[in-house]
Amino acid sequence: MIMGRKPYSTISVTEVAEEAGISRMTFYRHFSSLDDVLLAHSSRILSAIGDDIRSGTFHDAYEFWDKLYTELNCSGLIGNMQSAGLAEEFFQRFEDLFLDVFSTVLGRDMSIPANRVRMEFAMGGLIGLLHYSASPDTIISREDIQSFLRDMSRRG
């Protein structure tokens, strides 16, 4: 996807349409702007990750992080969302996914304050890692995070 190869501010609707093999007119039938493409793409990714969580695809935090990182950072989505001024909306959708995971998958009653605190703590850490790992001047690599999560998974 072109949005993972070029800075968001330099991408045109024409480039996106050409890469997709459609006309600009077809693009505008489905999207009003490039921002809409980003939001639709992020919704698709978060929905797929939510489906994977609900189906028990991930065996540990490492597998979850690897999928999340690959889908979001390797595609350039987080950086593009930040460039487009859509990061807040994206992370709200991310929070909604986590709320569903904690309540449905883990069976946590989210009306209990301690459960809400657990969720916010876990989600805050993930959001922080995603923000930080999307930064071009980050000193923490994907491998550093994977190593940490493997170690945490072994500790149970």
C-alpha atoms as a PDB file:
ATOM      1  CA  MET A   1       0.000   0.000   0.000  1.00  0.00           C
ATOM      2  CA  ILE A   2       1.397   3.364  -1.004  1.00  0.00           C
ATOM      3  CA  MET A   3       0.561   4.793   2.415  1.00  0.00           C
ATOM      4  CA  GLY A   4       3.219   2.572   3.934  1.00  0.00           C
ATOM      5  CA  ARG A   5       5.907   3.704   1.491  1.00  0.00           C
ATOM      6  CA  LYS A   6       5.521   7.486   1.328  1.00  0.00           C
ATOM      7  CA  PRO A   7       4.859  10.254   3.830  1.00  0.00           C
ATOM      8  CA  TYR A   8       1.117  10.801   4.120  1.00  0.00           C
ATOM      9  CA  SER A   9       1.345  14.497   3.245  1.00  0.00           C
ATOM     10  CA  THR A  10       2.848  13.667  -0.161  1.00  0.00           C
ATOM     11  CA  ILE A  11       0.264  11.091  -1.244  1.00  0.00           C
ATOM     12  CA  SER A  12      -2.439  12.046  -3.725  1.00  0.00           C
ATOM     13  CA  VAL A  13      -5.822  10.499  -4.425  1.00  0.00           C
ATOM     14  CA  THR A  14      -4.584   9.866  -7.972  1.00  0.00           C
ATOM     15  CA  GLU A  15      -1.690   7.725  -6.678  1.00  0.00           C
ATOM     16  CA  VAL A  16      -3.966   5.712  -4.400  1.00  0.00           C
ATOM     17  CA  ALA A  17      -6.520   5.192  -7.172  1.00  0.00           C
ATOM     18  CA  GLU A  18      -3.839   4.134  -9.667  1.00  0.00           C
ATOM     19  CA  GLU A  19      -2.343   1.648  -7.206  1.00  0.00           C
ATOM     20  CA  ALA A  20      -5.796   0.212  -6.560  1.00  0.00           C
ATOM     21  CA  GLY A  21      -6.496   0.000 -10.290  1.00  0.00           C
ATOM     22  CA  ILE A  22      -9.507   2.300 -10.129  1.00  0.00           C
ATOM     23  CA  SER A  23     -10.372   5.747 -11.419  1.00  0.00           C
ATOM     24  CA  ARG A  24     -10.503   8.863  -9.254  1.00  0.00           C
ATOM     25  CA  MET A  25     -14.266   8.889  -9.820  1.00  0.00           C
ATOM     26  CA  THR A  26     -14.569   5.377  -8.379  1.00  0.00           C
ATOM     27  CA  PHE A  27     -12.386   6.414  -5.442  1.00  0.00           C
ATOM     28  CA  TYR A  28     -14.724   9.313  -4.658  1.00  0.00           C
ATOM     29  CA  ARG A  29     -17.787   7.067  -4.897  1.00  0.00           C
ATOM     30  CA  HIS A  30     -16.454   5.150  -1.898  1.00  0.00           C
ATOM     31  CA  PHE A  31     -14.361   7.706   0.001  1.00  0.00           C
ATOM     32  CA  SER A  32     -14.550  11.456   0.410  1.00  0.00           C
ATOM     33  CA  SER A  33     -10.832  11.804   1.206  1.00  0.00           C
ATOM     34  CA  LEU A  34      -7.598   9.974   1.947  1.00  0.00           C
ATOM     35  CA  ASP A  35      -8.482  10.313   5.629  1.00  0.00           C
ATOM     36  CA  ASP A  36     -11.522   8.112   4.997  1.00  0.00           C
ATOM     37  CA  VAL A  37      -9.239   5.471   3.478  1.00  0.00           C
ATOM     38  CA  LEU A  38      -7.046   5.541   6.589  1.00  0.00           C
ATOM     39  CA  LEU A  39     -10.045   5.239   8.900  1.00  0.00           C
ATOM     40  CA  ALA A  40     -11.534   2.377   6.885  1.00  0.00           C
ATOM     41  CA  HIS A  41      -8.167   0.587   6.801  1.00  0.00           C
ATOM     42  CA  SER A  42      -7.640   1.011  10.542  1.00  0.00           C
ATOM     43  CA  SER A  43     -11.161  -0.261  11.251  1.00  0.00           C
ATOM     44  CA  ARG A  44     -10.516  -3.335   9.115  1.00  0.00           C
ATOM     45  CA  ILE A  45      -7.249  -4.080  10.906  1.00  0.00           C
ATOM     46  CA  LEU A  46      -8.680  -3.587  14.400  1.00  0.00           C
ATOM     47  CA  SER A  47     -11.708  -5.688  13.537  1.00  0.00           C
ATOM     48  CA  ALA A  48      -9.493  -8.524  12.257  1.00  0.00           C
ATOM     49  CA  ILE A  49      -7.322  -8.387  15.382  1.00  0.00           C
ATOM     50  CA  GLY A  50     -10.466  -8.426  17.546  1.00  0.00           C
ATOM     51  CA  ASP A  51     -11.699 -11.484  15.643  1.00  0.00           C
ATOM     52  CA  ASP A  52      -8.326 -13.186  16.201  1.00  0.00           C
ATOM     53  CA  ILE A  53      -8.515 -12.449  19.938  1.00  0.00           C
ATOM     54  CA  ARG A  54     -12.076 -13.764  20.224  1.00  0.00           C
ATOM     55  CA  SER A  55     -11.187 -16.944  18.335  1.00  0.00           C
ATOM     56  CA  GLY A  56      -8.205 -17.670  20.588  1.00  0.00           C
ATOM     57  CA  THR A  57      -5.624 -17.218  17.826  1.00  0.00           C
ATOM     58  CA  PHE A  58      -3.036 -15.661  20.122  1.00  0.00           C
ATOM     59  CA  HIS A  59      -1.342 -17.922  22.653  1.00  0.00           C
ATOM     60  CA  ASP A  60       0.567 -15.190  24.444  1.00  0.00           C
ATOM     61  CA  ALA A  61       1.333 -11.473  24.528  1.00  0.00           C
ATOM     62  CA  TYR A  62       4.199 -11.937  22.071  1.00  0.00           C
ATOM     63  CA  GLU A  63       1.900 -13.278  19.323  1.00  0.00           C
ATOM     64  CA  PHE A  64      -0.604 -10.498  19.960  1.00  0.00           C
ATOM     65  CA  TRP A  65       2.060  -7.777  19.836  1.00  0.00           C
ATOM     66  CA  ASP A  66       3.686  -9.241  16.746  1.00  0.00           C
ATOM     67  CA  LYS A  67       0.376  -9.193  14.857  1.00  0.00           C
ATOM     68  CA  LEU A  68      -0.502  -5.724  16.119  1.00  0.00           C
ATOM     69  CA  TYR A  69       2.917  -4.306  15.283  1.00  0.00           C
ATOM     70  CA  THR A  70       3.029  -5.932  11.865  1.00  0.00           C
ATOM     71  CA  GLU A  71      -0.434  -4.748  10.887  1.00  0.00           C
ATOM     72  CA  LEU A  72      -0.157  -1.233  12.252  1.00  0.00           C
ATOM     73  CA  ASN A  73       3.460  -0.146  12.048  1.00  0.00           C
ATOM     74  CA  CYS A  74       4.748  -2.083   9.074  1.00  0.00           C
ATOM     75  CA  SER A  75       1.901  -0.710   6.998  1.00  0.00           C
ATOM     76  CA  GLY A  76       2.773   2.804   8.146  1.00  0.00           C
ATOM     77  CA  LEU A  77      -0.748   3.191   9.507  1.00  0.00           C
ATOM     78  CA  ILE A  78       0.142   4.696  12.892  1.00  0.00           C
ATOM     79  CA  GLY A  79       2.494   7.269  11.389  1.00  0.00           C
ATOM     80  CA  ASN A  80      -0.054   8.159   8.712  1.00  0.00           C
ATOM     81  CA  MET A  81      -2.828   8.487  11.283  1.00  0.00           C
ATOM     82  CA  GLN A  82      -0.597  10.842  13.267  1.00  0.00           C
ATOM     83  CA  SER A  83       0.259  12.863  10.138  1.00  0.00           C
ATOM     84  CA  ALA A  84      -3.412  13.130   9.193  1.00  0.00           C
ATOM     85  CA  GLY A  85      -4.415  14.256  12.677  1.00  0.00           C
ATOM     86  CA  LEU A  86      -6.480  11.084  13.140  1.00  0.00           C
ATOM     87  CA  ALA A  87      -4.454   9.400  15.876  1.00  0.00           C
ATOM     88  CA  GLU A  88      -6.940  10.311  18.607  1.00  0.00           C
ATOM     89  CA  GLU A  89      -9.808   8.754  16.658  1.00  0.00           C
ATOM     90  CA  PHE A  90      -7.742   5.652  15.947  1.00  0.00           C
ATOM     91  CA  PHE A  91      -6.771   5.183  19.578  1.00  0.00           C
ATOM     92  CA  GLN A  92     -10.410   5.613  20.643  1.00  0.00           C
ATOM     93  CA  ARG A  93     -11.275   2.722  18.321  1.00  0.00           C
ATOM     94  CA  PHE A  94      -8.367   0.799  19.827  1.00  0.00           C
ATOM     95  CA  GLU A  95      -9.785   1.459  23.307  1.00  0.00           C
ATOM     96  CA  ASP A  96     -13.201   0.192  22.182  1.00  0.00           C
ATOM     97  CA  LEU A  97     -11.532  -3.035  20.986  1.00  0.00           C
ATOM     98  CA  PHE A  98      -9.782  -3.445  24.325  1.00  0.00           C
ATOM     99  CA  LEU A  99     -13.012  -2.845  26.216  1.00  0.00           C
ATOM    100  CA  ASP A 100     -14.600  -5.644  24.211  1.00  0.00           C
ATOM    101  CA  VAL A 101     -11.630  -7.943  24.832  1.00  0.00           C
ATOM    102  CA  PHE A 102     -11.626  -7.357  28.562  1.00  0.00           C
ATOM    103  CA  SER A 103     -15.377  -7.710  28.962  1.00  0.00           C
ATOM    104  CA  THR A 104     -16.237 -10.416  26.434  1.00  0.00           C
ATOM    105  CA  VAL A 105     -13.114 -12.497  25.978  1.00  0.00           C
ATOM    106  CA  LEU A 106     -11.671 -12.267  29.470  1.00  0.00           C
ATOM    107  CA  GLY A 107     -15.081 -12.180  31.154  1.00  0.00           C
ATOM    108  CA  ARG A 108     -14.279  -9.065  33.166  1.00  0.00           C
ATOM    109  CA  ASP A 109     -17.120  -7.005  34.557  1.00  0.00           C
ATOM    110  CA  MET A 110     -16.160  -3.530  33.397  1.00  0.00           C
ATOM    111  CA  SER A 111     -18.480  -1.872  35.909  1.00  0.00           C
ATOM    112  CA  ILE A 112     -15.959  -2.909  38.570  1.00  0.00           C
ATOM    113  CA  PRO A 113     -13.423  -0.072  38.871  1.00  0.00           C
ATOM    114  CA  ALA A 114     -10.441  -2.390  39.403  1.00  0.00           C
ATOM    115  CA  ASN A 115     -11.155  -4.162  36.094  1.00  0.00           C
ATOM    116  CA  ARG A 116     -11.404  -0.831  34.289  1.00  0.00           C
ATOM    117  CA  VAL A 117      -8.057   0.199  35.811  1.00  0.00           C
ATOM    118  CA  ARG A 118      -6.452  -3.062  34.605  1.00  0.00           C
ATOM    119  CA  MET A 119      -7.753  -2.478  31.108  1.00  0.00           C
ATOM    120  CA  GLU A 120      -6.674   1.166  30.996  1.00  0.00           C
ATOM    121  CA  PHE A 121      -3.220   0.225  32.306  1.00  0.00           C
ATOM    122  CA  ALA A 122      -2.715  -2.522  29.719  1.00  0.00           C
ATOM    123  CA  MET A 123      -4.117  -0.413  26.919  1.00  0.00           C
ATOM    124  CA  GLY A 124      -2.051   2.618  27.899  1.00  0.00           C
ATOM    125  CA  GLY A 125       1.118   0.542  27.701  1.00  0.00           C
ATOM    126  CA  LEU A 126       0.224  -0.769  24.253  1.00  0.00           C
ATOM    127  CA  ILE A 127      -0.733   2.656  22.967  1.00  0.00           C
ATOM    128  CA  GLY A 128       2.508   4.077  24.328  1.00  0.00           C
ATOM    129  CA  LEU A 129       4.516   1.370  22.579  1.00  0.00           C
ATOM    130  CA  LEU A 130       2.647   1.919  19.324  1.00  0.00           C
ATOM    131  CA  HIS A 131       3.154   5.688  19.451  1.00  0.00           C
ATOM    132  CA  TYR A 132       6.796   5.296  20.347  1.00  0.00           C
ATOM    133  CA  SER A 133       7.538   2.560  17.831  1.00  0.00           C
ATOM    134  CA  ALA A 134       5.976   4.655  15.040  1.00  0.00           C
ATOM    135  CA  SER A 135       8.373   7.502  15.739  1.00  0.00           C
ATOM    136  CA  PRO A 136      11.184   7.756  13.183  1.00  0.00           C
ATOM    137  CA  ASP A 137      13.765   8.424  15.901  1.00  0.00           C
ATOM    138  CA  THR A 138      12.811   5.573  18.237  1.00  0.00           C
ATOM    139  CA  ILE A 139      15.633   3.694  19.934  1.00  0.00           C
ATOM    140  CA  ILE A 140      13.492   0.680  20.817  1.00  0.00           C
ATOM    141  CA  SER A 141      13.268  -1.800  17.965  1.00  0.00           C
ATOM    142  CA  ARG A 142      10.549  -4.268  17.149  1.00  0.00           C
ATOM    143  CA  GLU A 143      12.970  -7.005  18.202  1.00  0.00           C
ATOM    144  CA  ASP A 144      13.474  -5.331  21.614  1.00  0.00           C
ATOM    145  CA  ILE A 145       9.736  -5.365  22.231  1.00  0.00           C
ATOM    146  CA  GLN A 146       9.393  -8.944  21.001  1.00  0.00           C
ATOM    147  CA  SER A 147      12.218 -10.074  23.280  1.00  0.00           C
ATOM    148  CA  PHE A 148      10.563  -8.372  26.259  1.00  0.00           C
ATOM    149  CA  LEU A 149       7.195  -9.979  25.502  1.00  0.00           C
ATOM    150  CA  ARG A 150       8.742 -13.430  25.031  1.00  0.00           C
ATOM    151  CA  ASP A 151      10.381 -13.061  28.437  1.00  0.00           C
ATOM    152  CA  MET A 152       7.097 -11.910  30.011  1.00  0.00           C
ATOM    153  CA  SER A 153       5.227 -14.819  28.417  1.00  0.00           C
ATOM    154  CA  ARG A 154       7.673 -17.317  29.917  1.00  0.00           C
ATOM    155  CA  ARG A 155       7.112 -15.849  33.378  1.00  0.00           C
ATOM    156  CA  GLY A 156       3.397 -16.502  33.032  1.00  0.00           C
END
